[in-house]
Amino acid sequence: MRAVVLRDGELRVEEVPRPEPGPGQVLAKVRACGICGSDLHAALYLPQLIEASRQSGGEWDERALTEGIVMGHEFVAEVAAAGPGAEGWAPGTRVTSMPVLIDPSAPRGVRAIGYTAGLPGAYSEYVLLSAPLLLPVPEGLSDEAAALTEPCAVGLHAVRQSGLQRGERVLIMGAGPIGLMTLLWAKHEGAGTVVVSEPSAARREMASRLGADIVVDPRTEELRGLVDEERGTPCTLVFECVGIEGTLQQAMDLAPRGGRVVVAGACMTEDRIRPLVGISKQLTLRFVLGYTPEEFAETLQALGAGVIDPTPMITRRIGLDELTATFRALADPAEGKVIVVPHG
């Protein structure tokens, strides 16, 4: 089957073996897959990601550096064949899943789809999925929307972990996909005024369409006046969704006394903060990652019911042959969410 392989920092379309489903697994034909910022980071910083995983108690397989990986973990697919014990999933059924494969031999019992050597992710024509983790895609939900279940669940998790209070004034720093997903859920969960700070005009426009009350260009507009407690309009909750050096300190500077900063942006380099700012303000600083199985399922249900609609952030649909050039183009912050259609 055709797949896009990351090897030695380069992305190439290659022929790779089509996997065979084992017990409790299905082989699924990929219908659509979103490009995630984590994949863009991996293409540039894979050795650093593996080292960070080791430092934090993870078990990222270092074979990814030598053997290469097929990324892609934001997917919708249809069942093509079922292994022993998974026959209840009929061919043609549209499904999605948390991007892990159950593997009792793995240190934590699962292996990450899209980041494990020998386990192709959805930048390919077919993937292996674990039947116990499969969720049927609701009738009427488009492939593109279903493929956004995974990043949308990340936004839900960030909001749930934040302790958002109904009517609370919120600042979201960054209107990339995760910032926009956080915006959608913050509004759904009852936030009051939501201010979005984003230097890209195209992404500010997306944020406005998705429900932001105020959008700000931090390069040219006075952000502090919108969040300054002395002016009576504090944003007591700040989501840092940028993930570059210096933005965490900016979030701490903008948060009011007793405020909360939720860090969803993944800074790939070392960063520096001034702890005394956080101490003086008695800030709560919380780092978030991923989602729970329950949040993933809740997100899919919300998408199916039309309660959450992230599709306005989709800017392009591409095939596998366009993926390498698209990774380079996504350095332009004017892009929104790009969907890969391997069989398109």
C-alpha atoms as a PDB file:
ATOM      1  CA  MET A   1       0.000   0.000   0.000  1.00  0.00           C
ATOM      2  CA  ARG A   2       1.056   3.628  -0.434  1.00  0.00           C
ATOM      3  CA  ALA A   3       2.079   5.638   2.605  1.00  0.00           C
ATOM      4  CA  VAL A   4       4.059   8.750   3.490  1.00  0.00           C
ATOM      5  CA  VAL A   5       7.088   7.722   5.552  1.00  0.00           C
ATOM      6  CA  LEU A   6       9.116  10.031   7.804  1.00  0.00           C
ATOM      7  CA  ARG A   7      12.731   8.877   7.774  1.00  0.00           C
ATOM      8  CA  ASP A   8      15.873  10.897   8.540  1.00  0.00           C
ATOM      9  CA  GLY A   9      13.807  14.068   8.750  1.00  0.00           C
ATOM     10  CA  GLU A  10      12.384  13.612   5.236  1.00  0.00           C
ATOM     11  CA  LEU A  11       8.864  12.693   4.119  1.00  0.00           C
ATOM     12  CA  ARG A  12       8.551  10.341   1.154  1.00  0.00           C
ATOM     13  CA  VAL A  13       5.711   8.465  -0.517  1.00  0.00           C
ATOM     14  CA  GLU A  14       6.641   4.776  -0.441  1.00  0.00           C
ATOM     15  CA  GLU A  15       5.160   1.339  -0.870  1.00  0.00           C
ATOM     16  CA  VAL A  16       4.918  -0.376   2.522  1.00  0.00           C
ATOM     17  CA  PRO A  17       3.417  -3.732   3.508  1.00  0.00           C
ATOM     18  CA  ARG A  18      -0.307  -3.654   4.115  1.00  0.00           C
ATOM     19  CA  PRO A  19      -0.842  -4.915   7.665  1.00  0.00           C
ATOM     20  CA  GLU A  20      -2.919  -7.985   8.476  1.00  0.00           C
ATOM     21  CA  PRO A  21      -5.433  -7.816  11.324  1.00  0.00           C
ATOM     22  CA  GLY A  22      -4.660 -10.034  14.287  1.00  0.00           C
ATOM     23  CA  PRO A  23      -6.965 -11.159  17.084  1.00  0.00           C
ATOM     24  CA  GLY A  24      -9.269  -8.355  18.202  1.00  0.00           C
ATOM     25  CA  GLN A  25      -8.155  -6.099  15.348  1.00  0.00           C
ATOM     26  CA  VAL A  26      -9.611  -4.760  12.126  1.00  0.00           C
ATOM     27  CA  LEU A  27      -7.924  -3.567   8.978  1.00  0.00           C
ATOM     28  CA  ALA A  28      -9.479  -0.215   8.063  1.00  0.00           C
ATOM     29  CA  LYS A  29      -9.330   1.779   4.843  1.00  0.00           C
ATOM     30  CA  VAL A  30      -8.461   5.407   5.641  1.00  0.00           C
ATOM     31  CA  ARG A  31     -11.090   7.836   4.365  1.00  0.00           C
ATOM     32  CA  ALA A  32      -9.670  11.074   5.788  1.00  0.00           C
ATOM     33  CA  CYS A  33      -6.927  12.193   8.184  1.00  0.00           C
ATOM     34  CA  GLY A  34      -6.131  15.606   9.625  1.00  0.00           C
ATOM     35  CA  ILE A  35      -2.618  17.013   9.741  1.00  0.00           C
ATOM     36  CA  CYS A  36      -1.698  17.635  13.372  1.00  0.00           C
ATOM     37  CA  GLY A  37       0.784  20.141  14.752  1.00  0.00           C
ATOM     38  CA  SER A  38       2.408  17.257  16.609  1.00  0.00           C
ATOM     39  CA  ASP A  39       3.248  15.703  13.243  1.00  0.00           C
ATOM     40  CA  LEU A  40       4.779  18.965  12.033  1.00  0.00           C
ATOM     41  CA  HIS A  41       6.850  19.013  15.231  1.00  0.00           C
ATOM     42  CA  ALA A  42       7.872  15.370  14.782  1.00  0.00           C
ATOM     43  CA  ALA A  43       9.106  16.058  11.263  1.00  0.00           C
ATOM     44  CA  LEU A  44      11.447  18.700  12.670  1.00  0.00           C
ATOM     45  CA  TYR A  45      12.177  17.542  16.215  1.00  0.00           C
ATOM     46  CA  LEU A  46      11.728  13.755  16.379  1.00  0.00           C
ATOM     47  CA  PRO A  47      14.941  13.094  18.400  1.00  0.00           C
ATOM     48  CA  GLN A  48      13.936  15.787  20.916  1.00  0.00           C
ATOM     49  CA  LEU A  49      10.423  14.355  21.217  1.00  0.00           C
ATOM     50  CA  ILE A  50      11.797  10.900  21.905  1.00  0.00           C
ATOM     51  CA  GLU A  51      14.179  12.285  24.537  1.00  0.00           C
ATOM     52  CA  ALA A  52      11.368  14.252  26.209  1.00  0.00           C
ATOM     53  CA  SER A  53       9.275  11.089  26.251  1.00  0.00           C
ATOM     54  CA  ARG A  54      12.080   9.225  27.994  1.00  0.00           C
ATOM     55  CA  GLN A  55      12.506  11.997  30.572  1.00  0.00           C
ATOM     56  CA  SER A  56       8.794  11.943  31.390  1.00  0.00           C
ATOM     57  CA  GLY A  57       8.533   8.182  31.799  1.00  0.00           C
ATOM     58  CA  GLY A  58       7.324   7.382  28.292  1.00  0.00           C
ATOM     59  CA  GLU A  59       8.528   4.548  26.137  1.00  0.00           C
ATOM     60  CA  TRP A  60       8.692   6.026  22.647  1.00  0.00           C
ATOM     61  CA  ASP A  61      10.432   3.420  20.516  1.00  0.00           C
ATOM     62  CA  GLU A  62      13.743   4.777  19.232  1.00  0.00           C
ATOM     63  CA  ARG A  63      13.396   2.566  16.159  1.00  0.00           C
ATOM     64  CA  ALA A  64      11.325   5.453  14.823  1.00  0.00           C
ATOM     65  CA  LEU A  65      14.630   7.224  14.142  1.00  0.00           C
ATOM     66  CA  THR A  66      16.180   4.414  12.124  1.00  0.00           C
ATOM     67  CA  GLU A  67      13.256   2.557  10.568  1.00  0.00           C
ATOM     68  CA  GLY A  68      10.987   5.522   9.949  1.00  0.00           C
ATOM     69  CA  ILE A  69       7.344   6.038  10.856  1.00  0.00           C
ATOM     70  CA  VAL A  70       4.072   6.614   9.038  1.00  0.00           C
ATOM     71  CA  MET A  71       2.344   9.409  10.933  1.00  0.00           C
ATOM     72  CA  GLY A  72      -1.341  10.374  10.965  1.00  0.00           C
ATOM     73  CA  HIS A  73      -3.545   9.973  14.043  1.00  0.00           C
ATOM     74  CA  GLU A  74      -6.619  12.166  13.367  1.00  0.00           C
ATOM     75  CA  PHE A  75      -8.598   9.791  11.197  1.00  0.00           C
ATOM     76  CA  VAL A  76     -11.852   8.318  10.030  1.00  0.00           C
ATOM     77  CA  ALA A  77     -11.789   4.965   8.237  1.00  0.00           C
ATOM     78  CA  GLU A  78     -14.011   2.145   7.106  1.00  0.00           C
ATOM     79  CA  VAL A  79     -13.629  -1.475   8.120  1.00  0.00           C
ATOM     80  CA  ALA A  80     -12.048  -3.528   5.326  1.00  0.00           C
ATOM     81  CA  ALA A  81     -11.398  -6.844   7.092  1.00  0.00           C
ATOM     82  CA  ALA A  82     -11.812  -8.217  10.595  1.00  0.00           C
ATOM     83  CA  GLY A  83      -9.423 -10.416  12.535  1.00  0.00           C
ATOM     84  CA  PRO A  84     -10.452 -13.236  14.889  1.00  0.00           C
ATOM     85  CA  GLY A  85     -12.824 -11.967  17.556  1.00  0.00           C
ATOM     86  CA  ALA A  86     -13.629  -8.756  15.679  1.00  0.00           C
ATOM     87  CA  GLU A  87     -16.117 -10.196  13.199  1.00  0.00           C
ATOM     88  CA  GLY A  88     -18.894  -8.030  14.631  1.00  0.00           C
ATOM     89  CA  TRP A  89     -17.491  -5.070  12.703  1.00  0.00           C
ATOM     90  CA  ALA A  90     -18.888  -5.441   9.193  1.00  0.00           C
ATOM     91  CA  PRO A  91     -16.840  -4.328   6.188  1.00  0.00           C
ATOM     92  CA  GLY A  92     -17.803  -0.834   5.064  1.00  0.00           C
ATOM     93  CA  THR A  93     -18.651   0.408   8.572  1.00  0.00           C
ATOM     94  CA  ARG A  94     -17.268   3.905   9.108  1.00  0.00           C
ATOM     95  CA  VAL A  95     -15.299   4.131  12.344  1.00  0.00           C
ATOM     96  CA  THR A  96     -12.865   6.215  14.289  1.00  0.00           C
ATOM     97  CA  SER A  97     -10.776   5.421  17.335  1.00  0.00           C
ATOM     98  CA  MET A  98      -8.377   6.824  19.822  1.00  0.00           C
ATOM     99  CA  PRO A  99      -5.029   6.526  18.010  1.00  0.00           C
ATOM    100  CA  VAL A 100      -3.630   3.595  19.954  1.00  0.00           C
ATOM    101  CA  LEU A 101      -3.464  -0.134  19.284  1.00  0.00           C
ATOM    102  CA  ILE A 102      -3.934  -2.525  22.197  1.00  0.00           C
ATOM    103  CA  ASP A 103      -0.746  -4.542  22.665  1.00  0.00           C
ATOM    104  CA  PRO A 104      -0.246  -6.457  25.934  1.00  0.00           C
ATOM    105  CA  SER A 105       3.472  -6.720  25.208  1.00  0.00           C
ATOM    106  CA  ALA A 106       3.900  -2.928  25.253  1.00  0.00           C
ATOM    107  CA  PRO A 107       5.025  -1.327  28.534  1.00  0.00           C
ATOM    108  CA  ARG A 108       1.670   0.445  28.974  1.00  0.00           C
ATOM    109  CA  GLY A 109      -0.441  -2.049  27.079  1.00  0.00           C
ATOM    110  CA  VAL A 110      -0.880   0.107  23.978  1.00  0.00           C
ATOM    111  CA  ARG A 111       1.191   1.428  21.087  1.00  0.00           C
ATOM    112  CA  ALA A 112       0.709   4.840  19.521  1.00  0.00           C
ATOM    113  CA  ILE A 113      -0.715   4.800  16.010  1.00  0.00           C
ATOM    114  CA  GLY A 114       1.309   7.177  13.878  1.00  0.00           C
ATOM    115  CA  TYR A 115       4.418   7.282  16.057  1.00  0.00           C
ATOM    116  CA  THR A 116       5.469   3.620  16.271  1.00  0.00           C
ATOM    117  CA  ALA A 117       7.855   1.976  13.820  1.00  0.00           C
ATOM    118  CA  GLY A 118       6.107  -0.833  11.985  1.00  0.00           C
ATOM    119  CA  LEU A 119       2.606   0.387  12.896  1.00  0.00           C
ATOM    120  CA  PRO A 120       1.418   2.682  10.099  1.00  0.00           C
ATOM    121  CA  GLY A 121      -0.636   5.723  10.914  1.00  0.00           C
ATOM    122  CA  ALA A 122      -3.276   7.225   8.663  1.00  0.00           C
ATOM    123  CA  TYR A 123      -0.977   8.970   6.191  1.00  0.00           C
ATOM    124  CA  SER A 124      -1.442   5.665   4.403  1.00  0.00           C
ATOM    125  CA  GLU A 125      -4.143   3.744   2.630  1.00  0.00           C
ATOM    126  CA  TYR A 126      -4.869   1.324   5.490  1.00  0.00           C
ATOM    127  CA  VAL A 127      -4.446   1.169   9.282  1.00  0.00           C
ATOM    128  CA  LEU A 128      -4.798  -1.468  11.967  1.00  0.00           C
ATOM    129  CA  LEU A 129      -7.283  -0.644  14.724  1.00  0.00           C
ATOM    130  CA  SER A 130      -8.280  -2.403  17.949  1.00  0.00           C
ATOM    131  CA  ALA A 131     -11.912  -3.508  17.871  1.00  0.00           C
ATOM    132  CA  PRO A 132     -12.601  -2.695  21.569  1.00  0.00           C
ATOM    133  CA  LEU A 133     -11.656   0.947  20.915  1.00  0.00           C
ATOM    134  CA  LEU A 134     -13.718   1.437  17.745  1.00  0.00           C
ATOM    135  CA  LEU A 135     -16.536   3.970  17.666  1.00  0.00           C
ATOM    136  CA  PRO A 136     -19.054   4.025  14.801  1.00  0.00           C
ATOM    137  CA  VAL A 137     -19.248   7.361  13.023  1.00  0.00           C
ATOM    138  CA  PRO A 138     -22.736   8.884  13.360  1.00  0.00           C
ATOM    139  CA  GLU A 139     -24.894   8.785  10.256  1.00  0.00           C
ATOM    140  CA  GLY A 140     -24.738  12.056   8.356  1.00  0.00           C
ATOM    141  CA  LEU A 141     -21.411  13.198   9.812  1.00  0.00           C
ATOM    142  CA  SER A 142     -18.956  13.956   7.004  1.00  0.00           C
ATOM    143  CA  ASP A 143     -15.602  12.228   6.802  1.00  0.00           C
ATOM    144  CA  GLU A 144     -13.844  15.579   7.218  1.00  0.00           C
ATOM    145  CA  ALA A 145     -15.738  16.389  10.415  1.00  0.00           C
ATOM    146  CA  ALA A 146     -15.257  12.882  11.814  1.00  0.00           C
ATOM    147  CA  ALA A 147     -11.515  13.164  11.209  1.00  0.00           C
ATOM    148  CA  LEU A 148     -11.495  16.174  13.529  1.00  0.00           C
ATOM    149  CA  THR A 149     -12.727  14.116  16.508  1.00  0.00           C
ATOM    150  CA  GLU A 150      -9.215  13.669  17.887  1.00  0.00           C
ATOM    151  CA  PRO A 151      -8.054  17.323  17.912  1.00  0.00           C
ATOM    152  CA  CYS A 152     -11.499  18.448  19.023  1.00  0.00           C
ATOM    153  CA  ALA A 153     -11.227  16.088  22.001  1.00  0.00           C
ATOM    154  CA  VAL A 154      -7.926  17.790  22.878  1.00  0.00           C
ATOM    155  CA  GLY A 155      -9.797  21.099  23.137  1.00  0.00           C
ATOM    156  CA  LEU A 156     -12.488  19.521  25.306  1.00  0.00           C
ATOM    157  CA  HIS A 157      -9.868  18.070  27.647  1.00  0.00           C
ATOM    158  CA  ALA A 158      -8.130  21.441  28.002  1.00  0.00           C
ATOM    159  CA  VAL A 159     -11.401  23.140  28.903  1.00  0.00           C
ATOM    160  CA  ARG A 160     -12.458  20.426  31.342  1.00  0.00           C
ATOM    161  CA  GLN A 161      -9.081  20.504  33.070  1.00  0.00           C
ATOM    162  CA  SER A 162      -9.226  24.299  33.372  1.00  0.00           C
ATOM    163  CA  GLY A 163     -12.110  24.406  35.828  1.00  0.00           C
ATOM    164  CA  LEU A 164     -13.952  26.883  33.595  1.00  0.00           C
ATOM    165  CA  GLN A 165     -16.786  28.617  35.395  1.00  0.00           C
ATOM    166  CA  ARG A 166     -19.986  29.634  33.610  1.00  0.00           C
ATOM    167  CA  GLY A 167     -19.745  33.271  32.573  1.00  0.00           C
ATOM    168  CA  GLU A 168     -15.976  33.424  33.154  1.00  0.00           C
ATOM    169  CA  ARG A 169     -13.956  35.775  30.944  1.00  0.00           C
ATOM    170  CA  VAL A 170     -11.326  33.819  29.003  1.00  0.00           C
ATOM    171  CA  LEU A 171      -8.212  34.624  26.986  1.00  0.00           C
ATOM    172  CA  ILE A 172      -7.024  32.140  24.338  1.00  0.00           C
ATOM    173  CA  MET A 173      -3.522  32.807  23.058  1.00  0.00           C
ATOM    174  CA  GLY A 174      -3.191  31.352  19.559  1.00  0.00           C
ATOM    175  CA  ALA A 175      -5.858  30.503  16.971  1.00  0.00           C
ATOM    176  CA  GLY A 176      -4.247  27.447  15.451  1.00  0.00           C
ATOM    177  CA  PRO A 177      -6.341  24.260  15.415  1.00  0.00           C
ATOM    178  CA  ILE A 178      -5.985  23.569  19.144  1.00  0.00           C
ATOM    179  CA  GLY A 179      -6.724  27.166  20.092  1.00  0.00           C
ATOM    180  CA  LEU A 180      -9.814  27.117  17.885  1.00  0.00           C
ATOM    181  CA  MET A 181     -10.961  23.757  19.292  1.00  0.00           C
ATOM    182  CA  THR A 182     -10.519  25.199  22.785  1.00  0.00           C
ATOM    183  CA  LEU A 183     -12.585  28.212  21.741  1.00  0.00           C
ATOM    184  CA  LEU A 184     -15.436  25.994  20.528  1.00  0.00           C
ATOM    185  CA  TRP A 185     -15.592  24.052  23.777  1.00  0.00           C
ATOM    186  CA  ALA A 186     -15.139  27.113  26.005  1.00  0.00           C
ATOM    187  CA  LYS A 187     -18.192  28.717  24.399  1.00  0.00           C
ATOM    188  CA  HIS A 188     -20.139  25.460  24.589  1.00  0.00           C
ATOM    189  CA  GLU A 189     -19.274  25.022  28.269  1.00  0.00           C
ATOM    190  CA  GLY A 190     -20.601  28.461  29.185  1.00  0.00           C
ATOM    191  CA  ALA A 191     -17.667  30.863  29.049  1.00  0.00           C
ATOM    192  CA  GLY A 192     -18.572  34.527  29.049  1.00  0.00           C
ATOM    193  CA  THR A 193     -16.490  36.836  26.888  1.00  0.00           C
ATOM    194  CA  VAL A 194     -13.756  34.956  25.032  1.00  0.00           C
ATOM    195  CA  VAL A 195     -10.805  36.999  23.781  1.00  0.00           C
ATOM    196  CA  VAL A 196      -8.584  35.370  21.137  1.00  0.00           C
ATOM    197  CA  SER A 197      -5.081  36.706  20.487  1.00  0.00           C
ATOM    198  CA  GLU A 198      -3.620  35.737  17.102  1.00  0.00           C
ATOM    199  CA  PRO A 199      -1.195  37.528  14.737  1.00  0.00           C
ATOM    200  CA  SER A 200      -2.563  35.868  11.563  1.00  0.00           C
ATOM    201  CA  ALA A 201      -5.469  37.782   9.990  1.00  0.00           C
ATOM    202  CA  ALA A 202      -6.821  34.593   8.406  1.00  0.00           C
ATOM    203  CA  ARG A 203      -6.874  32.778  11.718  1.00  0.00           C
ATOM    204  CA  ARG A 204      -8.415  35.750  13.506  1.00  0.00           C
ATOM    205  CA  GLU A 205     -11.211  35.611  10.944  1.00  0.00           C
ATOM    206  CA  MET A 206     -11.662  31.884  11.656  1.00  0.00           C
ATOM    207  CA  ALA A 207     -11.842  32.609  15.383  1.00  0.00           C
ATOM    208  CA  SER A 208     -14.566  35.202  14.789  1.00  0.00           C
ATOM    209  CA  ARG A 209     -16.573  32.731  12.683  1.00  0.00           C
ATOM    210  CA  LEU A 210     -16.232  30.101  15.412  1.00  0.00           C
ATOM    211  CA  GLY A 211     -17.585  32.326  18.166  1.00  0.00           C
ATOM    212  CA  ALA A 212     -14.794  34.499  19.584  1.00  0.00           C
ATOM    213  CA  ASP A 213     -16.232  37.671  21.118  1.00  0.00           C
ATOM    214  CA  ILE A 214     -13.049  39.705  20.663  1.00  0.00           C
ATOM    215  CA  VAL A 215     -10.095  38.992  18.361  1.00  0.00           C
ATOM    216  CA  VAL A 216      -6.800  40.809  18.795  1.00  0.00           C
ATOM    217  CA  ASP A 217      -3.582  41.098  16.812  1.00  0.00           C
ATOM    218  CA  PRO A 218      -0.996  41.048  19.637  1.00  0.00           C
ATOM    219  CA  ARG A 219       1.583  42.741  17.411  1.00  0.00           C
ATOM    220  CA  THR A 220      -0.425  45.901  16.881  1.00  0.00           C
ATOM    221  CA  GLU A 221      -3.220  46.014  19.464  1.00  0.00           C
ATOM    222  CA  GLU A 222      -3.123  46.562  23.192  1.00  0.00           C
ATOM    223  CA  LEU A 223      -3.938  43.181  24.659  1.00  0.00           C
ATOM    224  CA  ARG A 224      -3.373  44.090  28.283  1.00  0.00           C
ATOM    225  CA  GLY A 225      -6.210  46.589  28.225  1.00  0.00           C
ATOM    226  CA  LEU A 226      -8.620  43.768  27.456  1.00  0.00           C
ATOM    227  CA  VAL A 227      -7.451  41.533  30.290  1.00  0.00           C
ATOM    228  CA  ASP A 228      -6.155  43.965  32.918  1.00  0.00           C
ATOM    229  CA  GLU A 229      -7.850  43.495  36.295  1.00  0.00           C
ATOM    230  CA  GLU A 230      -7.290  47.143  37.176  1.00  0.00           C
ATOM    231  CA  ARG A 231      -9.614  48.113  34.314  1.00  0.00           C
ATOM    232  CA  GLY A 232     -12.326  45.782  35.567  1.00  0.00           C
ATOM    233  CA  THR A 233     -12.115  43.204  32.788  1.00  0.00           C
ATOM    234  CA  PRO A 234      -9.754  40.455  33.966  1.00  0.00           C
ATOM    235  CA  CYS A 235      -9.495  37.217  32.010  1.00  0.00           C
ATOM    236  CA  THR A 236      -9.236  34.925  35.000  1.00  0.00           C
ATOM    237  CA  LEU A 237      -8.520  31.938  32.746  1.00  0.00           C
ATOM    238  CA  VAL A 238      -5.781  31.977  30.104  1.00  0.00           C
ATOM    239  CA  PHE A 239      -5.191  29.179  27.583  1.00  0.00           C
ATOM    240  CA  GLU A 240      -1.668  29.222  26.120  1.00  0.00           C
ATOM    241  CA  CYS A 241      -2.096  27.504  22.739  1.00  0.00           C
ATOM    242  CA  VAL A 242       0.932  28.893  20.906  1.00  0.00           C
ATOM    243  CA  GLY A 243       3.843  26.822  22.170  1.00  0.00           C
ATOM    244  CA  ILE A 244       6.817  28.990  21.278  1.00  0.00           C
ATOM    245  CA  GLU A 245       9.533  30.356  23.516  1.00  0.00           C
ATOM    246  CA  GLY A 246       8.277  33.234  25.632  1.00  0.00           C
ATOM    247  CA  THR A 247       4.514  32.750  25.329  1.00  0.00           C
ATOM    248  CA  LEU A 248       4.193  30.955  28.651  1.00  0.00           C
ATOM    249  CA  GLN A 249       5.704  33.951  30.422  1.00  0.00           C
ATOM    250  CA  GLN A 250       3.378  36.246  28.470  1.00  0.00           C
ATOM    251  CA  ALA A 251       0.415  34.183  29.664  1.00  0.00           C
ATOM    252  CA  MET A 252       1.602  34.518  33.262  1.00  0.00           C
ATOM    253  CA  ASP A 253       2.068  38.268  32.814  1.00  0.00           C
ATOM    254  CA  LEU A 254      -1.463  38.661  31.435  1.00  0.00           C
ATOM    255  CA  ALA A 255      -3.193  36.487  34.031  1.00  0.00           C
ATOM    256  CA  PRO A 256      -4.646  38.370  37.015  1.00  0.00           C
ATOM    257  CA  ARG A 257      -3.942  37.594  40.665  1.00  0.00           C
ATOM    258  CA  GLY A 258      -5.384  34.201  41.495  1.00  0.00           C
ATOM    259  CA  GLY A 259      -5.764  33.418  37.793  1.00  0.00           C
ATOM    260  CA  ARG A 260      -5.264  30.127  36.011  1.00  0.00           C
ATOM    261  CA  VAL A 261      -3.006  29.403  33.046  1.00  0.00           C
ATOM    262  CA  VAL A 262      -3.644  26.218  31.057  1.00  0.00           C
ATOM    263  CA  VAL A 263      -0.760  25.224  28.786  1.00  0.00           C
ATOM    264  CA  ALA A 264      -1.906  23.373  25.671  1.00  0.00           C
ATOM    265  CA  GLY A 265       0.793  24.652  23.295  1.00  0.00           C
ATOM    266  CA  ALA A 266       3.805  22.362  22.965  1.00  0.00           C
ATOM    267  CA  CYS A 267       7.006  24.399  23.057  1.00  0.00           C
ATOM    268  CA  MET A 268       9.698  22.273  21.423  1.00  0.00           C
ATOM    269  CA  THR A 269      12.646  24.115  22.920  1.00  0.00           C
ATOM    270  CA  GLU A 270      13.761  25.022  26.409  1.00  0.00           C
ATOM    271  CA  ASP A 271      11.920  28.044  27.758  1.00  0.00           C
ATOM    272  CA  ARG A 272      12.322  30.425  30.678  1.00  0.00           C
ATOM    273  CA  ILE A 273       9.737  31.849  33.060  1.00  0.00           C
ATOM    274  CA  ARG A 274       9.940  34.148  36.056  1.00  0.00           C
ATOM    275  CA  PRO A 275       8.587  32.076  38.946  1.00  0.00           C
ATOM    276  CA  LEU A 276       8.260  35.158  41.155  1.00  0.00           C
ATOM    277  CA  VAL A 277       5.490  36.455  38.863  1.00  0.00           C
ATOM    278  CA  GLY A 278       3.507  33.291  39.430  1.00  0.00           C
ATOM    279  CA  ILE A 279       4.238  33.348  43.155  1.00  0.00           C
ATOM    280  CA  SER A 280       3.308  37.000  43.575  1.00  0.00           C
ATOM    281  CA  LYS A 281       0.033  36.492  41.741  1.00  0.00           C
ATOM    282  CA  GLN A 282      -0.606  33.037  43.239  1.00  0.00           C
ATOM    283  CA  LEU A 283      -1.265  31.679  39.765  1.00  0.00           C
ATOM    284  CA  THR A 284      -2.323  28.130  39.003  1.00  0.00           C
ATOM    285  CA  LEU A 285      -0.289  26.708  36.123  1.00  0.00           C
ATOM    286  CA  ARG A 286      -1.612  23.513  34.507  1.00  0.00           C
ATOM    287  CA  PHE A 287      -0.165  21.531  31.615  1.00  0.00           C
ATOM    288  CA  VAL A 288      -2.584  19.370  29.605  1.00  0.00           C
ATOM    289  CA  LEU A 289      -2.186  16.551  27.100  1.00  0.00           C
ATOM    290  CA  GLY A 290      -4.643  14.533  25.026  1.00  0.00           C
ATOM    291  CA  TYR A 291      -8.003  13.444  26.430  1.00  0.00           C
ATOM    292  CA  THR A 292      -9.748  10.577  28.191  1.00  0.00           C
ATOM    293  CA  PRO A 293     -11.626   7.801  26.356  1.00  0.00           C
ATOM    294  CA  GLU A 294     -14.857   9.303  27.665  1.00  0.00           C
ATOM    295  CA  GLU A 295     -13.953  12.742  26.297  1.00  0.00           C
ATOM    296  CA  PHE A 296     -13.104  11.236  22.906  1.00  0.00           C
ATOM    297  CA  ALA A 297     -16.500   9.499  22.730  1.00  0.00           C
ATOM    298  CA  GLU A 298     -18.308  12.623  23.948  1.00  0.00           C
ATOM    299  CA  THR A 299     -16.616  14.674  21.247  1.00  0.00           C
ATOM    300  CA  LEU A 300     -17.713  12.299  18.489  1.00  0.00           C
ATOM    301  CA  GLN A 301     -21.290  12.425  19.790  1.00  0.00           C
ATOM    302  CA  ALA A 302     -21.196  16.224  19.894  1.00  0.00           C
ATOM    303  CA  LEU A 303     -19.935  16.377  16.317  1.00  0.00           C
ATOM    304  CA  GLY A 304     -22.650  13.968  15.192  1.00  0.00           C
ATOM    305  CA  ALA A 305     -25.344  16.035  16.879  1.00  0.00           C
ATOM    306  CA  GLY A 306     -24.007  19.269  15.389  1.00  0.00           C
ATOM    307  CA  VAL A 307     -23.431  20.702  18.865  1.00  0.00           C
ATOM    308  CA  ILE A 308     -19.803  21.391  17.951  1.00  0.00           C
ATOM    309  CA  ASP A 309     -18.831  22.248  14.373  1.00  0.00           C
ATOM    310  CA  PRO A 310     -15.130  22.734  13.659  1.00  0.00           C
ATOM    311  CA  THR A 311     -15.437  22.330   9.875  1.00  0.00           C
ATOM    312  CA  PRO A 312     -15.086  26.085   9.140  1.00  0.00           C
ATOM    313  CA  MET A 313     -11.407  25.749  10.048  1.00  0.00           C
ATOM    314  CA  ILE A 314     -10.789  23.246   7.206  1.00  0.00           C
ATOM    315  CA  THR A 315      -8.926  25.070   4.450  1.00  0.00           C
ATOM    316  CA  ARG A 316      -7.735  22.300   2.138  1.00  0.00           C
ATOM    317  CA  ARG A 317      -8.088  18.645   1.169  1.00  0.00           C
ATOM    318  CA  ILE A 318      -5.065  16.898  -0.333  1.00  0.00           C
ATOM    319  CA  GLY A 319      -3.809  13.490  -1.460  1.00  0.00           C
ATOM    320  CA  LEU A 320      -0.758  11.596  -0.239  1.00  0.00           C
ATOM    321  CA  ASP A 321       1.410  12.968  -3.045  1.00  0.00           C
ATOM    322  CA  GLU A 322       0.822  16.533  -1.812  1.00  0.00           C
ATOM    323  CA  LEU A 323       1.664  15.851   1.819  1.00  0.00           C
ATOM    324  CA  THR A 324       5.381  16.673   1.734  1.00  0.00           C
ATOM    325  CA  ALA A 325       4.832  20.089   0.138  1.00  0.00           C
ATOM    326  CA  THR A 326       1.908  20.753   2.494  1.00  0.00           C
ATOM    327  CA  PHE A 327       4.087  20.170   5.558  1.00  0.00           C
ATOM    328  CA  ARG A 328       6.365  22.926   4.298  1.00  0.00           C
ATOM    329  CA  ALA A 329       3.412  25.207   3.507  1.00  0.00           C
ATOM    330  CA  LEU A 330       1.923  24.787   6.985  1.00  0.00           C
ATOM    331  CA  ALA A 331       4.702  26.979   8.313  1.00  0.00           C
ATOM    332  CA  ASP A 332       2.419  29.746   6.996  1.00  0.00           C
ATOM    333  CA  PRO A 333      -0.019  30.575   9.812  1.00  0.00           C
ATOM    334  CA  ALA A 334      -2.716  31.511   7.292  1.00  0.00           C
ATOM    335  CA  GLU A 335      -3.492  27.813   6.923  1.00  0.00           C
ATOM    336  CA  GLY A 336      -6.215  26.202   8.972  1.00  0.00           C
ATOM    337  CA  LYS A 337      -6.858  22.477   9.157  1.00  0.00           C
ATOM    338  CA  VAL A 338      -5.709  20.403   6.191  1.00  0.00           C
ATOM    339  CA  ILE A 339      -7.334  17.033   5.538  1.00  0.00           C
ATOM    340  CA  VAL A 340      -5.487  14.190   3.805  1.00  0.00           C
ATOM    341  CA  VAL A 341      -7.599  11.857   1.647  1.00  0.00           C
ATOM    342  CA  PRO A 342      -5.325   8.876   0.853  1.00  0.00           C
ATOM    343  CA  HIS A 343      -7.685   7.323  -1.692  1.00  0.00           C
ATOM    344  CA  GLY A 344      -8.832  10.638  -3.178  1.00  0.00           C
END
